Amino acid sequence: MFSVIRGYNILIVILAQYLTSIYILAHDRPVREVVLDLNLFMLVLSSALTIAGGYIINNFYDSEKDLINRPNKSMLDRLVSQNTKLSFYFVLNFLAVVMASYVSFNAVIFFSLYIFGIWFYSHKLKKLPFVGNLTSAILTITPFFAIFIYYRNFETVIFFHAMFLFLIISMRELTKDLENIKGDLAQNYLTIPVVYGESVSKVMLTVLAMFTLIPTLLLIYYFDIGHMNYFFYLSTFLLFVFILMLWRSKTKTQYLILHNILKFIIVAGVFCIVLINVDVVLNRI
């Protein structure tokens, strides 16, 4: 079940939400106040439960495709019956709404819509080119939108951080489509590589990589992000390597390496948030 809900991804999201709250969204509040905020805890917990439920329903609909694309993981996931997965899905979503109700009725509506959005994506939108990729990227950053609304911090720097993350996630989704093209073809998933071909997909990835320079340069030169500028220098270098490798890639293994480069940028970005102010714990305890 831990494999089905991808518990390691959920732990990263939880860490990212807390670090984002401490260093970006509530950077003017004491760390203790943010960490011990019960409302924030409930929002983070609701997000984690909803995401776990999302992985379950996604696994349910993609079970046949995953047998082709990820045979080893798929066989492990099948140790848990489909009925058990669905039972967990409903329990997790129910608990997510209950936790959200502690914060406010608006939070209940937000997470109810989020749960519906994940289901609708897995059931219908995932098989559509462009729409599926865009929806997946939006759903991935939605948990951060929840705490963004909670703190009501509308500083411009936040939007550029969000833009960078959105572009990297969009690249990751398209790279995953290239990696999984064999299973998508077999199961009639109309992804961008299936409909328009690998060359068009590579052009799109190159354009998206170039677009990441916009928030990257603005964050480095126009905003105070402390030592996190080193992360953006590193990510720019890695994206340059990504593009060079992309145009030489033809096999699933090569696309998997590209996918892992983007995953590394995302995970490294989470941990590098602390570089915005390395003395934050001493200064704001």
C-alpha atoms as a PDB file:
ATOM      1  CA  MET A   1       0.000   0.000   0.000  1.00  0.00           C
ATOM      2  CA  PHE A   2       2.928   2.336   0.688  1.00  0.00           C
ATOM      3  CA  SER A   3       4.015   1.715  -2.909  1.00  0.00           C
ATOM      4  CA  VAL A   4       0.500   2.377  -4.228  1.00  0.00           C
ATOM      5  CA  ILE A   5       0.148   5.733  -2.444  1.00  0.00           C
ATOM      6  CA  ARG A   6       3.818   6.587  -3.125  1.00  0.00           C
ATOM      7  CA  GLY A   7       4.438   7.504   0.483  1.00  0.00           C
ATOM      8  CA  TYR A   8       7.901   8.927  -0.282  1.00  0.00           C
ATOM      9  CA  ASN A   9       6.313  11.552  -2.581  1.00  0.00           C
ATOM     10  CA  ILE A  10       3.774  12.493   0.079  1.00  0.00           C
ATOM     11  CA  LEU A  11       6.512  12.987   2.667  1.00  0.00           C
ATOM     12  CA  ILE A  12       8.289  15.362   0.266  1.00  0.00           C
ATOM     13  CA  VAL A  13       5.047  17.322  -0.257  1.00  0.00           C
ATOM     14  CA  ILE A  14       4.515  17.627   3.516  1.00  0.00           C
ATOM     15  CA  LEU A  15       8.077  18.885   3.991  1.00  0.00           C
ATOM     16  CA  ALA A  16       7.677  21.281   1.064  1.00  0.00           C
ATOM     17  CA  GLN A  17       4.460  22.741   2.479  1.00  0.00           C
ATOM     18  CA  TYR A  18       6.032  23.419   5.870  1.00  0.00           C
ATOM     19  CA  LEU A  19       9.234  24.887   4.434  1.00  0.00           C
ATOM     20  CA  THR A  20       7.219  27.032   2.026  1.00  0.00           C
ATOM     21  CA  SER A  21       5.130  28.282   4.942  1.00  0.00           C
ATOM     22  CA  ILE A  22       8.159  29.073   7.127  1.00  0.00           C
ATOM     23  CA  TYR A  23      10.442  30.644   4.528  1.00  0.00           C
ATOM     24  CA  ILE A  24       8.093  32.141   1.927  1.00  0.00           C
ATOM     25  CA  LEU A  25       4.384  32.453   2.785  1.00  0.00           C
ATOM     26  CA  ALA A  26       4.750  33.307   6.496  1.00  0.00           C
ATOM     27  CA  HIS A  27       8.321  34.555   6.517  1.00  0.00           C
ATOM     28  CA  ASP A  28       7.386  37.419   8.854  1.00  0.00           C
ATOM     29  CA  ARG A  29       6.031  35.152  11.604  1.00  0.00           C
ATOM     30  CA  PRO A  30       7.933  33.272  14.347  1.00  0.00           C
ATOM     31  CA  VAL A  31       8.910  29.735  13.302  1.00  0.00           C
ATOM     32  CA  ARG A  32       7.309  28.294  16.438  1.00  0.00           C
ATOM     33  CA  GLU A  33       3.994  29.926  15.566  1.00  0.00           C
ATOM     34  CA  VAL A  34       4.033  28.427  12.054  1.00  0.00           C
ATOM     35  CA  VAL A  35       5.148  24.940  13.078  1.00  0.00           C
ATOM     36  CA  LEU A  36       2.636  24.720  15.940  1.00  0.00           C
ATOM     37  CA  ASP A  37      -0.250  26.189  13.935  1.00  0.00           C
ATOM     38  CA  LEU A  38      -2.984  23.543  14.192  1.00  0.00           C
ATOM     39  CA  ASN A  39      -4.886  24.941  11.211  1.00  0.00           C
ATOM     40  CA  LEU A  40      -1.792  24.605   9.018  1.00  0.00           C
ATOM     41  CA  PHE A  41      -1.270  21.064  10.306  1.00  0.00           C
ATOM     42  CA  MET A  42      -4.837  20.146   9.341  1.00  0.00           C
ATOM     43  CA  LEU A  43      -4.406  21.642   5.862  1.00  0.00           C
ATOM     44  CA  VAL A  44      -1.155  19.752   5.345  1.00  0.00           C
ATOM     45  CA  LEU A  45      -2.724  16.537   6.627  1.00  0.00           C
ATOM     46  CA  SER A  46      -5.774  17.010   4.379  1.00  0.00           C
ATOM     47  CA  SER A  47      -3.443  17.538   1.429  1.00  0.00           C
ATOM     48  CA  ALA A  48      -1.467  14.387   2.243  1.00  0.00           C
ATOM     49  CA  LEU A  49      -4.615  12.265   2.575  1.00  0.00           C
ATOM     50  CA  THR A  50      -6.085  13.649  -0.657  1.00  0.00           C
ATOM     51  CA  ILE A  51      -2.853  13.041  -2.574  1.00  0.00           C
ATOM     52  CA  ALA A  52      -2.663   9.489  -1.212  1.00  0.00           C
ATOM     53  CA  GLY A  53      -6.237   8.922  -2.372  1.00  0.00           C
ATOM     54  CA  GLY A  54      -5.312  10.395  -5.738  1.00  0.00           C
ATOM     55  CA  TYR A  55      -2.471   7.941  -6.202  1.00  0.00           C
ATOM     56  CA  ILE A  56      -4.847   5.087  -5.376  1.00  0.00           C
ATOM     57  CA  ILE A  57      -7.510   6.079  -7.904  1.00  0.00           C
ATOM     58  CA  ASN A  58      -4.824   6.782 -10.496  1.00  0.00           C
ATOM     59  CA  ASN A  59      -3.351   3.342  -9.850  1.00  0.00           C
ATOM     60  CA  PHE A  60      -6.833   1.822 -10.188  1.00  0.00           C
ATOM     61  CA  TYR A  61      -7.462   3.319 -13.637  1.00  0.00           C
ATOM     62  CA  ASP A  62      -3.896   2.777 -14.891  1.00  0.00           C
ATOM     63  CA  SER A  63      -3.467  -0.820 -13.716  1.00  0.00           C
ATOM     64  CA  GLU A  64      -3.377  -2.275 -17.240  1.00  0.00           C
ATOM     65  CA  LYS A  65      -1.063   0.409 -18.615  1.00  0.00           C
ATOM     66  CA  ASP A  66       1.310   0.072 -15.658  1.00  0.00           C
ATOM     67  CA  LEU A  67       1.703  -3.645 -16.375  1.00  0.00           C
ATOM     68  CA  ILE A  68       3.440  -2.578 -19.598  1.00  0.00           C
ATOM     69  CA  ASN A  69       5.281   0.543 -18.406  1.00  0.00           C
ATOM     70  CA  ARG A  70       6.185  -0.477 -14.844  1.00  0.00           C
ATOM     71  CA  PRO A  71       5.881  -4.276 -14.588  1.00  0.00           C
ATOM     72  CA  ASN A  72       7.876  -4.654 -11.356  1.00  0.00           C
ATOM     73  CA  LYS A  73       6.042  -1.910  -9.457  1.00  0.00           C
ATOM     74  CA  SER A  74       2.734  -3.062 -10.911  1.00  0.00           C
ATOM     75  CA  MET A  75       3.221  -6.615  -9.617  1.00  0.00           C
ATOM     76  CA  LEU A  76       4.041  -5.221  -6.163  1.00  0.00           C
ATOM     77  CA  ASP A  77       0.959  -2.995  -6.217  1.00  0.00           C
ATOM     78  CA  ARG A  78      -1.240  -5.939  -7.192  1.00  0.00           C
ATOM     79  CA  LEU A  79      -0.482  -7.584  -3.849  1.00  0.00           C
ATOM     80  CA  VAL A  80      -3.207  -5.218  -2.622  1.00  0.00           C
ATOM     81  CA  SER A  81      -6.612  -6.072  -4.082  1.00  0.00           C
ATOM     82  CA  GLN A  82      -8.606  -3.535  -6.086  1.00  0.00           C
ATOM     83  CA  ASN A  83     -11.420  -3.648  -3.490  1.00  0.00           C
ATOM     84  CA  THR A  84      -8.965  -2.849  -0.702  1.00  0.00           C
ATOM     85  CA  LYS A  85      -7.526   0.040  -2.728  1.00  0.00           C
ATOM     86  CA  LEU A  86     -10.988   1.512  -3.353  1.00  0.00           C
ATOM     87  CA  SER A  87     -11.911   1.142   0.326  1.00  0.00           C
ATOM     88  CA  PHE A  88      -8.768   3.026   1.308  1.00  0.00           C
ATOM     89  CA  TYR A  89      -9.540   5.628  -1.345  1.00  0.00           C
ATOM     90  CA  PHE A  90     -12.927   6.485   0.157  1.00  0.00           C
ATOM     91  CA  VAL A  91     -11.625   6.381   3.745  1.00  0.00           C
ATOM     92  CA  LEU A  92      -8.690   8.686   2.950  1.00  0.00           C
ATOM     93  CA  ASN A  93     -10.886  11.208   1.140  1.00  0.00           C
ATOM     94  CA  PHE A  94     -13.441  11.186   3.948  1.00  0.00           C
ATOM     95  CA  LEU A  95     -10.714  11.812   6.524  1.00  0.00           C
ATOM     96  CA  ALA A  96      -9.286  14.610   4.356  1.00  0.00           C
ATOM     97  CA  VAL A  97     -12.626  16.424   4.358  1.00  0.00           C
ATOM     98  CA  VAL A  98     -13.029  15.874   8.115  1.00  0.00           C
ATOM     99  CA  MET A  99      -9.593  17.382   8.757  1.00  0.00           C
ATOM    100  CA  ALA A 100     -10.396  20.311   6.470  1.00  0.00           C
ATOM    101  CA  SER A 101     -13.635  20.948   8.371  1.00  0.00           C
ATOM    102  CA  TYR A 102     -11.550  21.837  11.432  1.00  0.00           C
ATOM    103  CA  VAL A 103     -10.140  24.835   9.538  1.00  0.00           C
ATOM    104  CA  SER A 104     -13.245  26.208   7.828  1.00  0.00           C
ATOM    105  CA  PHE A 105     -16.165  25.413   5.561  1.00  0.00           C
ATOM    106  CA  ASN A 106     -14.236  26.993   2.693  1.00  0.00           C
ATOM    107  CA  ALA A 107     -11.471  24.446   3.272  1.00  0.00           C
ATOM    108  CA  VAL A 108     -14.063  21.663   3.013  1.00  0.00           C
ATOM    109  CA  ILE A 109     -15.231  23.031  -0.340  1.00  0.00           C
ATOM    110  CA  PHE A 110     -11.622  23.432  -1.523  1.00  0.00           C
ATOM    111  CA  PHE A 111     -10.632  19.841  -0.739  1.00  0.00           C
ATOM    112  CA  SER A 112     -13.922  18.438  -2.012  1.00  0.00           C
ATOM    113  CA  LEU A 113     -13.243  20.114  -5.365  1.00  0.00           C
ATOM    114  CA  TYR A 114      -9.636  18.931  -5.232  1.00  0.00           C
ATOM    115  CA  ILE A 115     -10.753  15.332  -4.668  1.00  0.00           C
ATOM    116  CA  PHE A 116     -13.230  15.586  -7.542  1.00  0.00           C
ATOM    117  CA  GLY A 117     -10.572  17.147  -9.783  1.00  0.00           C
ATOM    118  CA  ILE A 118      -8.149  14.269  -9.141  1.00  0.00           C
ATOM    119  CA  TRP A 119     -10.854  11.681  -9.858  1.00  0.00           C
ATOM    120  CA  PHE A 120     -11.989  13.453 -13.049  1.00  0.00           C
ATOM    121  CA  TYR A 121      -8.386  13.727 -14.223  1.00  0.00           C
ATOM    122  CA  SER A 122      -7.723  10.012 -13.613  1.00  0.00           C
ATOM    123  CA  HIS A 123     -11.051   8.958 -15.160  1.00  0.00           C
ATOM    124  CA  LYS A 124     -11.243  11.225 -18.218  1.00  0.00           C
ATOM    125  CA  LEU A 125      -8.690  13.992 -18.678  1.00  0.00           C
ATOM    126  CA  LYS A 126      -5.520  11.911 -18.367  1.00  0.00           C
ATOM    127  CA  LYS A 127      -6.071  10.357 -21.774  1.00  0.00           C
ATOM    128  CA  LEU A 128      -6.301  13.731 -23.548  1.00  0.00           C
ATOM    129  CA  PRO A 129      -3.284  15.557 -25.049  1.00  0.00           C
ATOM    130  CA  PHE A 130      -2.413  18.966 -23.555  1.00  0.00           C
ATOM    131  CA  VAL A 131      -5.479  18.967 -21.267  1.00  0.00           C
ATOM    132  CA  GLY A 132      -4.175  15.958 -19.333  1.00  0.00           C
ATOM    133  CA  ASN A 133      -0.690  17.444 -18.923  1.00  0.00           C
ATOM    134  CA  LEU A 134      -1.990  20.864 -17.901  1.00  0.00           C
ATOM    135  CA  THR A 135      -4.476  19.406 -15.418  1.00  0.00           C
ATOM    136  CA  SER A 136      -1.846  17.143 -13.861  1.00  0.00           C
ATOM    137  CA  ALA A 137       0.545  20.075 -13.338  1.00  0.00           C
ATOM    138  CA  ILE A 138      -2.232  22.185 -11.774  1.00  0.00           C
ATOM    139  CA  LEU A 139      -3.313  19.357  -9.457  1.00  0.00           C
ATOM    140  CA  THR A 140       0.297  18.845  -8.357  1.00  0.00           C
ATOM    141  CA  ILE A 141       0.695  22.428  -7.125  1.00  0.00           C
ATOM    142  CA  THR A 142      -2.836  22.682  -5.683  1.00  0.00           C
ATOM    143  CA  PRO A 143      -1.755  21.682  -2.108  1.00  0.00           C
ATOM    144  CA  PHE A 144       0.510  24.746  -2.068  1.00  0.00           C
ATOM    145  CA  PHE A 145      -2.392  26.881  -3.239  1.00  0.00           C
ATOM    146  CA  ALA A 146      -4.299  25.782  -0.114  1.00  0.00           C
ATOM    147  CA  ILE A 147      -1.704  27.223   2.258  1.00  0.00           C
ATOM    148  CA  PHE A 148      -1.240  30.229  -0.036  1.00  0.00           C
ATOM    149  CA  ILE A 149      -4.933  31.076   0.484  1.00  0.00           C
ATOM    150  CA  TYR A 150      -4.622  30.398   4.217  1.00  0.00           C
ATOM    151  CA  TYR A 151      -1.804  32.916   4.717  1.00  0.00           C
ATOM    152  CA  ARG A 152      -3.153  35.392   2.124  1.00  0.00           C
ATOM    153  CA  ASN A 153       0.349  36.397   1.150  1.00  0.00           C
ATOM    154  CA  PHE A 154       0.260  37.966  -2.322  1.00  0.00           C
ATOM    155  CA  GLU A 155       3.901  38.996  -2.683  1.00  0.00           C
ATOM    156  CA  THR A 156       5.136  38.901  -6.283  1.00  0.00           C
ATOM    157  CA  VAL A 157       8.061  36.610  -5.462  1.00  0.00           C
ATOM    158  CA  ILE A 158       5.607  33.822  -4.600  1.00  0.00           C
ATOM    159  CA  PHE A 159       4.131  33.854  -8.101  1.00  0.00           C
ATOM    160  CA  PHE A 160       7.566  33.477  -9.701  1.00  0.00           C
ATOM    161  CA  HIS A 161       8.417  30.558  -7.404  1.00  0.00           C
ATOM    162  CA  ALA A 162       5.078  29.006  -8.417  1.00  0.00           C
ATOM    163  CA  MET A 163       5.762  29.682 -12.112  1.00  0.00           C
ATOM    164  CA  PHE A 164       9.130  27.922 -11.933  1.00  0.00           C
ATOM    165  CA  LEU A 165       7.617  24.914 -10.151  1.00  0.00           C
ATOM    166  CA  PHE A 166       4.699  24.742 -12.596  1.00  0.00           C
ATOM    167  CA  LEU A 167       7.032  24.734 -15.614  1.00  0.00           C
ATOM    168  CA  ILE A 168       9.290  22.028 -14.168  1.00  0.00           C
ATOM    169  CA  ILE A 169       6.274  19.864 -13.292  1.00  0.00           C
ATOM    170  CA  SER A 170       4.860  20.375 -16.803  1.00  0.00           C
ATOM    171  CA  MET A 171       8.186  19.211 -18.227  1.00  0.00           C
ATOM    172  CA  ARG A 172       8.149  16.195 -15.947  1.00  0.00           C
ATOM    173  CA  GLU A 173       4.640  15.204 -17.065  1.00  0.00           C
ATOM    174  CA  LEU A 174       5.578  15.429 -20.745  1.00  0.00           C
ATOM    175  CA  THR A 175       8.798  13.477 -20.136  1.00  0.00           C
ATOM    176  CA  LYS A 176       6.763  10.786 -18.370  1.00  0.00           C
ATOM    177  CA  ASP A 177       4.575  10.567 -21.474  1.00  0.00           C
ATOM    178  CA  LEU A 178       7.672   9.969 -23.605  1.00  0.00           C
ATOM    179  CA  GLU A 179       8.872   7.370 -21.117  1.00  0.00           C
ATOM    180  CA  ASN A 180       5.502   5.579 -21.094  1.00  0.00           C
ATOM    181  CA  ILE A 181       4.653   5.862 -24.780  1.00  0.00           C
ATOM    182  CA  LYS A 182       4.552   2.089 -25.277  1.00  0.00           C
ATOM    183  CA  GLY A 183       1.863   1.524 -22.646  1.00  0.00           C
ATOM    184  CA  ASP A 184      -0.056   4.635 -23.718  1.00  0.00           C
ATOM    185  CA  LEU A 185      -0.207   3.363 -27.301  1.00  0.00           C
ATOM    186  CA  ALA A 186      -1.396  -0.051 -26.167  1.00  0.00           C
ATOM    187  CA  GLN A 187      -4.149   1.400 -23.946  1.00  0.00           C
ATOM    188  CA  ASN A 188      -5.170   4.176 -26.379  1.00  0.00           C
ATOM    189  CA  TYR A 189      -4.057   7.070 -24.171  1.00  0.00           C
ATOM    190  CA  LEU A 190      -3.987  10.105 -26.463  1.00  0.00           C
ATOM    191  CA  THR A 191      -0.929  11.768 -24.950  1.00  0.00           C
ATOM    192  CA  ILE A 192       1.142  14.380 -26.792  1.00  0.00           C
ATOM    193  CA  PRO A 193       3.868  11.893 -27.887  1.00  0.00           C
ATOM    194  CA  VAL A 194       1.214   9.430 -29.106  1.00  0.00           C
ATOM    195  CA  VAL A 195      -0.775  12.022 -31.085  1.00  0.00           C
ATOM    196  CA  TYR A 196       1.953  14.367 -32.313  1.00  0.00           C
ATOM    197  CA  GLY A 197       5.101  12.250 -32.090  1.00  0.00           C
ATOM    198  CA  GLU A 198       8.347  12.353 -30.157  1.00  0.00           C
ATOM    199  CA  SER A 199       9.894  15.209 -32.159  1.00  0.00           C
ATOM    200  CA  VAL A 200       7.061  17.614 -31.364  1.00  0.00           C
ATOM    201  CA  SER A 201       7.246  16.576 -27.710  1.00  0.00           C
ATOM    202  CA  LYS A 202      10.968  17.334 -27.649  1.00  0.00           C
ATOM    203  CA  VAL A 203      10.384  20.768 -29.181  1.00  0.00           C
ATOM    204  CA  MET A 204       7.768  21.486 -26.498  1.00  0.00           C
ATOM    205  CA  LEU A 205      10.140  20.381 -23.739  1.00  0.00           C
ATOM    206  CA  THR A 206      12.862  22.619 -25.142  1.00  0.00           C
ATOM    207  CA  VAL A 207      10.487  25.600 -25.196  1.00  0.00           C
ATOM    208  CA  LEU A 208       9.331  24.906 -21.638  1.00  0.00           C
ATOM    209  CA  ALA A 209      12.957  24.701 -20.488  1.00  0.00           C
ATOM    210  CA  MET A 210      13.641  28.082 -22.087  1.00  0.00           C
ATOM    211  CA  PHE A 211      10.574  29.553 -20.363  1.00  0.00           C
ATOM    212  CA  THR A 212      11.976  28.507 -16.971  1.00  0.00           C
ATOM    213  CA  LEU A 213      14.703  31.119 -17.522  1.00  0.00           C
ATOM    214  CA  ILE A 214      12.101  33.868 -17.020  1.00  0.00           C
ATOM    215  CA  PRO A 215      11.245  33.138 -13.360  1.00  0.00           C
ATOM    216  CA  THR A 216      14.816  31.947 -12.718  1.00  0.00           C
ATOM    217  CA  LEU A 217      16.464  35.195 -13.807  1.00  0.00           C
ATOM    218  CA  LEU A 218      13.831  37.335 -12.090  1.00  0.00           C
ATOM    219  CA  LEU A 219      14.193  35.449  -8.806  1.00  0.00           C
ATOM    220  CA  ILE A 220      17.997  35.678  -8.908  1.00  0.00           C
ATOM    221  CA  TYR A 221      18.369  39.329  -9.882  1.00  0.00           C
ATOM    222  CA  TYR A 222      15.213  41.101  -8.684  1.00  0.00           C
ATOM    223  CA  PHE A 223      14.217  39.351  -5.450  1.00  0.00           C
ATOM    224  CA  ASP A 224      15.917  38.580  -2.159  1.00  0.00           C
ATOM    225  CA  ILE A 225      16.127  34.776  -2.126  1.00  0.00           C
ATOM    226  CA  GLY A 226      19.352  34.532  -0.111  1.00  0.00           C
ATOM    227  CA  HIS A 227      21.606  31.621  -1.015  1.00  0.00           C
ATOM    228  CA  MET A 228      18.803  29.860  -2.894  1.00  0.00           C
ATOM    229  CA  ASN A 229      20.186  31.553  -5.998  1.00  0.00           C
ATOM    230  CA  TYR A 230      22.741  28.710  -6.101  1.00  0.00           C
ATOM    231  CA  PHE A 231      19.873  26.266  -6.542  1.00  0.00           C
ATOM    232  CA  PHE A 232      18.605  28.209  -9.549  1.00  0.00           C
ATOM    233  CA  TYR A 233      22.099  28.304 -11.064  1.00  0.00           C
ATOM    234  CA  LEU A 234      22.285  24.523 -10.606  1.00  0.00           C
ATOM    235  CA  SER A 235      18.808  23.953 -12.032  1.00  0.00           C
ATOM    236  CA  THR A 236      19.673  26.048 -15.104  1.00  0.00           C
ATOM    237  CA  PHE A 237      22.783  23.932 -15.682  1.00  0.00           C
ATOM    238  CA  LEU A 238      20.802  20.703 -15.225  1.00  0.00           C
ATOM    239  CA  LEU A 239      18.138  21.884 -17.669  1.00  0.00           C
ATOM    240  CA  PHE A 240      20.862  22.632 -20.203  1.00  0.00           C
ATOM    241  CA  VAL A 241      22.146  19.060 -19.752  1.00  0.00           C
ATOM    242  CA  PHE A 242      18.538  17.847 -19.964  1.00  0.00           C
ATOM    243  CA  ILE A 243      18.017  19.484 -23.381  1.00  0.00           C
ATOM    244  CA  LEU A 244      21.298  18.100 -24.744  1.00  0.00           C
ATOM    245  CA  MET A 245      20.365  14.586 -23.627  1.00  0.00           C
ATOM    246  CA  LEU A 246      16.743  14.963 -24.738  1.00  0.00           C
ATOM    247  CA  TRP A 247      17.556  15.272 -28.437  1.00  0.00           C
ATOM    248  CA  ARG A 248      19.725  12.161 -28.261  1.00  0.00           C
ATOM    249  CA  SER A 249      17.187  10.086 -26.331  1.00  0.00           C
ATOM    250  CA  LYS A 250      15.211   7.335 -28.022  1.00  0.00           C
ATOM    251  CA  THR A 251      14.735   4.576 -25.454  1.00  0.00           C
ATOM    252  CA  LYS A 252      12.655   4.219 -22.295  1.00  0.00           C
ATOM    253  CA  THR A 253      15.831   4.089 -20.175  1.00  0.00           C
ATOM    254  CA  GLN A 254      17.091   7.364 -21.618  1.00  0.00           C
ATOM    255  CA  TYR A 255      13.747   9.064 -20.968  1.00  0.00           C
ATOM    256  CA  LEU A 256      13.789   7.672 -17.434  1.00  0.00           C
ATOM    257  CA  ILE A 257      17.140   9.401 -16.834  1.00  0.00           C
ATOM    258  CA  LEU A 258      15.641  12.675 -18.081  1.00  0.00           C
ATOM    259  CA  HIS A 259      12.644  12.159 -15.800  1.00  0.00           C
ATOM    260  CA  ASN A 260      14.971  11.630 -12.838  1.00  0.00           C
ATOM    261  CA  ILE A 261      16.846  14.868 -13.623  1.00  0.00           C
ATOM    262  CA  LEU A 262      13.575  16.794 -13.324  1.00  0.00           C
ATOM    263  CA  LYS A 263      12.624  14.922 -10.156  1.00  0.00           C
ATOM    264  CA  PHE A 264      16.001  15.816  -8.676  1.00  0.00           C
ATOM    265  CA  ILE A 265      15.423  19.509  -9.463  1.00  0.00           C
ATOM    266  CA  ILE A 266      12.020  19.392  -7.739  1.00  0.00           C
ATOM    267  CA  VAL A 267      13.256  17.545  -4.627  1.00  0.00           C
ATOM    268  CA  ALA A 268      16.438  19.641  -4.403  1.00  0.00           C
ATOM    269  CA  GLY A 269      14.292  22.758  -4.670  1.00  0.00           C
ATOM    270  CA  VAL A 270      12.316  21.656  -1.615  1.00  0.00           C
ATOM    271  CA  PHE A 271      15.419  21.246   0.544  1.00  0.00           C
ATOM    272  CA  CYS A 272      17.045  24.400  -0.840  1.00  0.00           C
ATOM    273  CA  ILE A 273      14.157  26.553   0.401  1.00  0.00           C
ATOM    274  CA  VAL A 274      16.069  26.779   3.700  1.00  0.00           C
ATOM    275  CA  LEU A 275      18.814  28.666   1.830  1.00  0.00           C
ATOM    276  CA  ILE A 276      16.519  31.689   1.542  1.00  0.00           C
ATOM    277  CA  ASN A 277      17.480  32.509   5.115  1.00  0.00           C
ATOM    278  CA  VAL A 278      19.867  30.055   6.785  1.00  0.00           C
ATOM    279  CA  ASP A 279      19.554  31.879  10.102  1.00  0.00           C
ATOM    280  CA  VAL A 280      15.763  31.837  10.149  1.00  0.00           C
ATOM    281  CA  VAL A 281      15.453  29.490  13.133  1.00  0.00           C
ATOM    282  CA  LEU A 282      17.789  31.633  15.251  1.00  0.00           C
ATOM    283  CA  ASN A 283      16.206  34.904  14.166  1.00  0.00           C
ATOM    284  CA  ARG A 284      12.526  33.969  14.334  1.00  0.00           C
ATOM    285  CA  ILE A 285      12.288  31.294  17.006  1.00  0.00           C
END
